[in-house]
Amino acid sequence: MRKQVVAFAASSSRRSINKQLVTYASGLLQNVQVEILDLNDFELPLFSVDREDELGQPPPARAFLQKISDCDGIIISFAEHNGAYSAAYKNLYDWISRIQPKVYQDKPMVLLSTSPGGRGGKSVLELALSQIPRFGGVIKASASLPSFMDNFDAEAAAISDPDCAQQIEAAVKRLFTE
């Protein structure tokens, strides 16, 4: 039976460069079944304890958590908003962490980021690297793609810079290594 991988961009943008990156990266895996999730399919009201008292555990939060439960590995590409997570990702994360504090359930993960700038979203990636292990993520590798518009050929849906391509490929191939 093939391993199941869930991949998503931690962004709600319909033109997300992180979705382009995570789609490319997950396509590098062989002999796995990949499901690309879209955070827009799991939209939730802004989290607060008052809303939680009102709504309980909303179906979109439970559905996203089930996707995590059902997979063997996870690839996330983080969008950087002012050096931190996007509001869409943080809100979903807040809801699902109230249902299951170990959100990522000891699944192996590869964490990626990209941005139009030269750091490639490294601030949000550093944040994720420090936080995700506390929430049950087993980080196998991470990588960022700097200057997305210069290093990714959108028409070919591929990284155009050979060194950057090798870095992303090396990270993704570590998903299921010991």
C-alpha atoms as a PDB file:
ATOM      1  CA  MET A   1       0.000   0.000   0.000  1.00  0.00           C
ATOM      2  CA  ARG A   2       1.355   3.416  -0.983  1.00  0.00           C
ATOM      3  CA  LYS A   3       2.008   6.045   1.640  1.00  0.00           C
ATOM      4  CA  GLN A   4      -0.440   8.931   1.810  1.00  0.00           C
ATOM      5  CA  VAL A   5       0.904  12.498   1.908  1.00  0.00           C
ATOM      6  CA  VAL A   6      -1.041  15.653   2.661  1.00  0.00           C
ATOM      7  CA  ALA A   7       0.487  18.833   1.244  1.00  0.00           C
ATOM      8  CA  PHE A   8      -0.718  22.401   1.566  1.00  0.00           C
ATOM      9  CA  ALA A   9       0.267  26.024   1.481  1.00  0.00           C
ATOM     10  CA  ALA A  10      -0.263  27.849   4.752  1.00  0.00           C
ATOM     11  CA  SER A  11      -2.030  30.573   2.795  1.00  0.00           C
ATOM     12  CA  SER A  12      -5.521  31.358   1.582  1.00  0.00           C
ATOM     13  CA  SER A  13      -4.428  33.257  -1.515  1.00  0.00           C
ATOM     14  CA  ARG A  14      -5.847  31.847  -4.735  1.00  0.00           C
ATOM     15  CA  ARG A  15      -2.587  32.890  -6.429  1.00  0.00           C
ATOM     16  CA  SER A  16      -0.401  31.538  -3.640  1.00  0.00           C
ATOM     17  CA  ILE A  17       3.240  31.125  -4.591  1.00  0.00           C
ATOM     18  CA  ASN A  18       3.525  28.756  -1.633  1.00  0.00           C
ATOM     19  CA  LYS A  19       0.834  26.554  -3.150  1.00  0.00           C
ATOM     20  CA  GLN A  20       2.822  26.502  -6.384  1.00  0.00           C
ATOM     21  CA  LEU A  21       5.930  25.494  -4.422  1.00  0.00           C
ATOM     22  CA  VAL A  22       4.233  22.791  -2.345  1.00  0.00           C
ATOM     23  CA  THR A  23       2.561  21.363  -5.453  1.00  0.00           C
ATOM     24  CA  TYR A  24       5.919  21.215  -7.231  1.00  0.00           C
ATOM     25  CA  ALA A  25       7.693  19.760  -4.182  1.00  0.00           C
ATOM     26  CA  SER A  26       5.107  17.063  -3.485  1.00  0.00           C
ATOM     27  CA  GLY A  27       5.306  16.063  -7.145  1.00  0.00           C
ATOM     28  CA  LEU A  28       8.942  15.077  -6.556  1.00  0.00           C
ATOM     29  CA  LEU A  29       7.848  12.177  -4.340  1.00  0.00           C
ATOM     30  CA  GLN A  30       7.646   8.746  -5.897  1.00  0.00           C
ATOM     31  CA  ASN A  31       5.338   5.864  -5.042  1.00  0.00           C
ATOM     32  CA  VAL A  32       3.106   7.948  -2.783  1.00  0.00           C
ATOM     33  CA  GLN A  33      -0.436   9.247  -3.033  1.00  0.00           C
ATOM     34  CA  VAL A  34      -0.482  13.045  -2.559  1.00  0.00           C
ATOM     35  CA  GLU A  35      -3.503  15.138  -1.679  1.00  0.00           C
ATOM     36  CA  ILE A  36      -3.061  18.891  -2.072  1.00  0.00           C
ATOM     37  CA  LEU A  37      -5.300  20.701   0.389  1.00  0.00           C
ATOM     38  CA  ASP A  38      -6.564  24.268   0.002  1.00  0.00           C
ATOM     39  CA  LEU A  39      -7.084  26.211   3.244  1.00  0.00           C
ATOM     40  CA  ASN A  40     -10.078  27.924   1.615  1.00  0.00           C
ATOM     41  CA  ASP A  41     -11.904  24.599   1.852  1.00  0.00           C
ATOM     42  CA  PHE A  42     -11.537  24.754   5.651  1.00  0.00           C
ATOM     43  CA  GLU A  43     -12.526  28.364   6.298  1.00  0.00           C
ATOM     44  CA  LEU A  44     -13.585  29.084   9.863  1.00  0.00           C
ATOM     45  CA  PRO A  45     -14.749  32.090  11.875  1.00  0.00           C
ATOM     46  CA  LEU A  46     -12.036  33.916  13.798  1.00  0.00           C
ATOM     47  CA  PHE A  47     -11.146  31.762  16.803  1.00  0.00           C
ATOM     48  CA  SER A  48     -12.035  32.872  20.314  1.00  0.00           C
ATOM     49  CA  VAL A  49     -13.110  30.936  23.390  1.00  0.00           C
ATOM     50  CA  ASP A  50     -16.509  32.606  23.083  1.00  0.00           C
ATOM     51  CA  ARG A  51     -16.860  31.276  19.525  1.00  0.00           C
ATOM     52  CA  GLU A  52     -15.685  27.874  20.685  1.00  0.00           C
ATOM     53  CA  ASP A  53     -18.357  27.856  23.420  1.00  0.00           C
ATOM     54  CA  GLU A  54     -20.910  28.833  20.769  1.00  0.00           C
ATOM     55  CA  LEU A  55     -19.859  26.475  17.980  1.00  0.00           C
ATOM     56  CA  GLY A  56     -18.028  23.617  19.661  1.00  0.00           C
ATOM     57  CA  GLN A  57     -15.795  21.856  17.164  1.00  0.00           C
ATOM     58  CA  PRO A  58     -16.762  23.159  13.712  1.00  0.00           C
ATOM     59  CA  PRO A  59     -16.928  20.566  10.914  1.00  0.00           C
ATOM     60  CA  PRO A  60     -14.174  22.224   8.809  1.00  0.00           C
ATOM     61  CA  ALA A  61     -11.741  21.988  11.752  1.00  0.00           C
ATOM     62  CA  ARG A  62     -12.623  18.342  12.346  1.00  0.00           C
ATOM     63  CA  ALA A  63     -12.325  17.594   8.614  1.00  0.00           C
ATOM     64  CA  PHE A  64      -8.848  19.128   8.400  1.00  0.00           C
ATOM     65  CA  LEU A  65      -7.717  17.243  11.487  1.00  0.00           C
ATOM     66  CA  GLN A  66      -9.036  14.018   9.919  1.00  0.00           C
ATOM     67  CA  LYS A  67      -6.882  14.675   6.837  1.00  0.00           C
ATOM     68  CA  ILE A  68      -3.859  14.849   9.150  1.00  0.00           C
ATOM     69  CA  SER A  69      -4.943  11.661  10.952  1.00  0.00           C
ATOM     70  CA  ASP A  70      -5.375   9.749   7.688  1.00  0.00           C
ATOM     71  CA  CYS A  71      -1.990  10.588   6.158  1.00  0.00           C
ATOM     72  CA  ASP A  72       1.496   9.145   6.610  1.00  0.00           C
ATOM     73  CA  GLY A  73       3.394  12.392   6.014  1.00  0.00           C
ATOM     74  CA  ILE A  74       2.914  16.137   5.579  1.00  0.00           C
ATOM     75  CA  ILE A  75       4.496  18.850   3.447  1.00  0.00           C
ATOM     76  CA  ILE A  76       3.681  22.477   4.234  1.00  0.00           C
ATOM     77  CA  SER A  77       4.889  25.607   2.466  1.00  0.00           C
ATOM     78  CA  PHE A  78       4.471  28.629   4.717  1.00  0.00           C
ATOM     79  CA  ALA A  79       3.459  32.049   3.480  1.00  0.00           C
ATOM     80  CA  GLU A  80       5.100  34.816   5.466  1.00  0.00           C
ATOM     81  CA  HIS A  81       2.898  37.683   6.611  1.00  0.00           C
ATOM     82  CA  ASN A  82       4.886  40.303   8.502  1.00  0.00           C
ATOM     83  CA  GLY A  83       7.416  37.678   9.605  1.00  0.00           C
ATOM     84  CA  ALA A  84       4.805  35.235  10.916  1.00  0.00           C
ATOM     85  CA  TYR A  85       2.058  32.808   9.859  1.00  0.00           C
ATOM     86  CA  SER A  86      -0.771  33.915   7.599  1.00  0.00           C
ATOM     87  CA  ALA A  87      -4.004  34.661   9.446  1.00  0.00           C
ATOM     88  CA  ALA A  88      -5.773  31.829   7.589  1.00  0.00           C
ATOM     89  CA  TYR A  89      -3.253  29.203   8.734  1.00  0.00           C
ATOM     90  CA  LYS A  90      -3.016  30.536  12.303  1.00  0.00           C
ATOM     91  CA  ASN A  91      -6.791  30.602  12.689  1.00  0.00           C
ATOM     92  CA  LEU A  92      -7.220  27.029  11.409  1.00  0.00           C
ATOM     93  CA  TYR A  93      -4.342  25.911  13.612  1.00  0.00           C
ATOM     94  CA  ASP A  94      -5.956  27.573  16.660  1.00  0.00           C
ATOM     95  CA  TRP A  95      -9.234  25.743  16.044  1.00  0.00           C
ATOM     96  CA  ILE A  96      -7.705  22.300  15.448  1.00  0.00           C
ATOM     97  CA  SER A  97      -5.269  22.563  18.353  1.00  0.00           C
ATOM     98  CA  ARG A  98      -8.266  22.885  20.679  1.00  0.00           C
ATOM     99  CA  ILE A  99      -9.562  19.546  19.377  1.00  0.00           C
ATOM    100  CA  GLN A 100      -6.174  17.777  19.271  1.00  0.00           C
ATOM    101  CA  PRO A 101      -3.258  19.562  21.013  1.00  0.00           C
ATOM    102  CA  LYS A 102      -0.742  17.362  19.173  1.00  0.00           C
ATOM    103  CA  VAL A 103      -2.090  18.670  15.860  1.00  0.00           C
ATOM    104  CA  TYR A 104       0.455  16.873  13.696  1.00  0.00           C
ATOM    105  CA  GLN A 105       0.144  13.548  15.539  1.00  0.00           C
ATOM    106  CA  ASP A 106       3.834  12.559  15.304  1.00  0.00           C
ATOM    107  CA  LYS A 107       3.725  12.548  11.493  1.00  0.00           C
ATOM    108  CA  PRO A 108       6.935  13.131   9.531  1.00  0.00           C
ATOM    109  CA  MET A 109       6.963  16.562   7.945  1.00  0.00           C
ATOM    110  CA  VAL A 110       8.881  18.676   5.466  1.00  0.00           C
ATOM    111  CA  LEU A 111       8.522  22.413   5.980  1.00  0.00           C
ATOM    112  CA  LEU A 112       9.051  24.843   3.130  1.00  0.00           C
ATOM    113  CA  SER A 113       8.612  28.541   2.519  1.00  0.00           C
ATOM    114  CA  THR A 114       8.986  31.030  -0.279  1.00  0.00           C
ATOM    115  CA  SER A 115       8.427  34.711  -0.860  1.00  0.00           C
ATOM    116  CA  PRO A 116       9.171  37.293  -3.521  1.00  0.00           C
ATOM    117  CA  GLY A 117      12.064  38.524  -1.361  1.00  0.00           C
ATOM    118  CA  GLY A 118      15.610  37.322  -0.998  1.00  0.00           C
ATOM    119  CA  ARG A 119      15.049  35.541   2.327  1.00  0.00           C
ATOM    120  CA  GLY A 120      12.334  33.286   0.917  1.00  0.00           C
ATOM    121  CA  GLY A 121      10.104  33.418   3.977  1.00  0.00           C
ATOM    122  CA  LYS A 122      12.854  32.342   6.377  1.00  0.00           C
ATOM    123  CA  SER A 123      11.322  34.217   9.329  1.00  0.00           C
ATOM    124  CA  VAL A 124       8.077  32.231   9.224  1.00  0.00           C
ATOM    125  CA  LEU A 125      10.005  29.031   8.523  1.00  0.00           C
ATOM    126  CA  GLU A 126      12.132  29.610  11.638  1.00  0.00           C
ATOM    127  CA  LEU A 127       8.942  30.201  13.630  1.00  0.00           C
ATOM    128  CA  ALA A 128       7.428  26.950  12.343  1.00  0.00           C
ATOM    129  CA  LEU A 129      10.633  25.011  13.034  1.00  0.00           C
ATOM    130  CA  SER A 130      10.557  26.155  16.654  1.00  0.00           C
ATOM    131  CA  GLN A 131       6.827  25.589  17.253  1.00  0.00           C
ATOM    132  CA  ILE A 132       5.697  22.569  15.258  1.00  0.00           C
ATOM    133  CA  PRO A 133       7.635  19.942  17.248  1.00  0.00           C
ATOM    134  CA  ARG A 134       5.715  21.014  20.373  1.00  0.00           C
ATOM    135  CA  PHE A 135       2.512  20.215  18.508  1.00  0.00           C
ATOM    136  CA  GLY A 136       3.436  16.725  17.388  1.00  0.00           C
ATOM    137  CA  GLY A 137       5.300  17.450  14.168  1.00  0.00           C
ATOM    138  CA  VAL A 138       8.375  15.340  13.388  1.00  0.00           C
ATOM    139  CA  ILE A 139      10.363  17.639  11.129  1.00  0.00           C
ATOM    140  CA  LYS A 140      12.523  15.653   8.731  1.00  0.00           C
ATOM    141  CA  ALA A 141      13.791  18.611   6.674  1.00  0.00           C
ATOM    142  CA  SER A 142      13.135  22.221   5.749  1.00  0.00           C
ATOM    143  CA  ALA A 143      14.062  24.566   2.933  1.00  0.00           C
ATOM    144  CA  SER A 144      13.181  27.988   1.633  1.00  0.00           C
ATOM    145  CA  LEU A 145      13.085  29.235  -1.931  1.00  0.00           C
ATOM    146  CA  PRO A 146      14.233  32.853  -2.142  1.00  0.00           C
ATOM    147  CA  SER A 147      13.047  35.339  -4.752  1.00  0.00           C
ATOM    148  CA  PHE A 148      10.215  33.170  -6.023  1.00  0.00           C
ATOM    149  CA  MET A 149       9.580  35.149  -9.205  1.00  0.00           C
ATOM    150  CA  ASP A 150      13.253  34.832 -10.205  1.00  0.00           C
ATOM    151  CA  ASN A 151      13.688  31.170  -9.247  1.00  0.00           C
ATOM    152  CA  PHE A 152      10.391  29.541 -10.231  1.00  0.00           C
ATOM    153  CA  ASP A 153       9.140  29.182 -13.786  1.00  0.00           C
ATOM    154  CA  ALA A 154       5.365  29.421 -13.379  1.00  0.00           C
ATOM    155  CA  GLU A 155       4.713  28.295 -16.956  1.00  0.00           C
ATOM    156  CA  ALA A 156       6.768  25.110 -16.481  1.00  0.00           C
ATOM    157  CA  ALA A 157       5.605  24.809 -12.827  1.00  0.00           C
ATOM    158  CA  ALA A 158       9.214  24.105 -11.823  1.00  0.00           C
ATOM    159  CA  ILE A 159      12.128  25.682 -10.020  1.00  0.00           C
ATOM    160  CA  SER A 160      14.410  27.231 -12.634  1.00  0.00           C
ATOM    161  CA  ASP A 161      17.542  27.679 -10.519  1.00  0.00           C
ATOM    162  CA  PRO A 162      19.412  24.328 -10.340  1.00  0.00           C
ATOM    163  CA  ASP A 163      20.860  24.926  -6.854  1.00  0.00           C
ATOM    164  CA  CYS A 164      17.463  25.870  -5.436  1.00  0.00           C
ATOM    165  CA  ALA A 165      15.847  22.887  -7.166  1.00  0.00           C
ATOM    166  CA  GLN A 166      18.421  20.549  -5.620  1.00  0.00           C
ATOM    167  CA  GLN A 167      17.839  22.019  -2.142  1.00  0.00           C
ATOM    168  CA  ILE A 168      14.051  21.532  -2.340  1.00  0.00           C
ATOM    169  CA  GLU A 169      14.410  18.032  -3.803  1.00  0.00           C
ATOM    170  CA  ALA A 170      16.852  16.994  -1.071  1.00  0.00           C
ATOM    171  CA  ALA A 171      14.459  18.237   1.620  1.00  0.00           C
ATOM    172  CA  VAL A 172      11.423  16.458   0.159  1.00  0.00           C
ATOM    173  CA  LYS A 173      13.287  13.160  -0.251  1.00  0.00           C
ATOM    174  CA  ARG A 174      13.915  13.128   3.521  1.00  0.00           C
ATOM    175  CA  LEU A 175      10.199  12.902   4.344  1.00  0.00           C
ATOM    176  CA  PHE A 176      10.220   9.158   4.904  1.00  0.00           C
ATOM    177  CA  THR A 177      13.864   8.607   5.884  1.00  0.00           C
ATOM    178  CA  GLU A 178      14.893   7.584   9.366  1.00  0.00           C
END
